[in-house]
């Protein structure tokens, strides 16, 4: 356990520091790091699903990938500009048209299984693009940028992974979802929740109320939502990888695998936290 842990710590901390620093520094560095994340994660997604794509034409597969990346980035930028107070809400009306474009381009693919291609493109947008889009609702509160709540939420997701990892290794006996992830245990899951709740309490002390008055209760609720989203996100990615018969989504981050392996818990957590923030504040 300790050997594998050593391989994970330095790359994990470096990766977290880059993203965390960008979120904390300004809205522009935040936007840049999330756009870069969209590109890297979507590129990796299309690499792992390439084996089940219907087209024999590699050029058109690449076109699908870049087209979806552009759609995800455009959706992110439109919501960023609206929530940041740079544009009116009317710009959001463009987003449904962007999604309709997925159906339009399939007319030119000459594929015998258009539903497969459309389904993979939509899955990529829902799995990667939509969470990044929703992140804007966490950082822009009253049209003012404040990355502390998002930064705290991402740290809570990481704490859940840490708590689940150690508690699972020390006390894990009862499988949580053996059909999809045989190593994940109920004991590890409980440990993840407990450590994340402790992290929520510390976030209230260290980060505080932010500009909209995030209370201790709010931080504890966010902690529970982060743990829940992290668990489901990890299981969903495990489901994808098991269906594709691969161990990792990539090898870009030593000790962690690919970008999707590192982002899986965060991607599922972001929309859940965003909905809570929208309803609460």
Foldseek 3Di string as FASTA:
>chain_A
DVVLVVQCPPLVVVVLCQQLVQLQPDPVSNLVVLLVLLLFVLVLLLVLCVVVDQAPDVVVSVVLSVLLSVLLSVLQVQLLCPLLVNDDPVSNVCNVVSLVVLVVVLVVRPGPCSVVSNVSSVCSCLQRSVLSSLLSLVQRDVSDGDSLRVSLLVVLLVLLVVQLVVQLVPPFDAADCCVQPVSRGPRSLVSSLVRSLVSLQVCCVPVNLPPPGQHSVNSNVSSNLLSVLQVVLQSVVSNVCVVSVHDASACPRGSQGGSCSVCSSVSRSRNVNSVVSVVPD
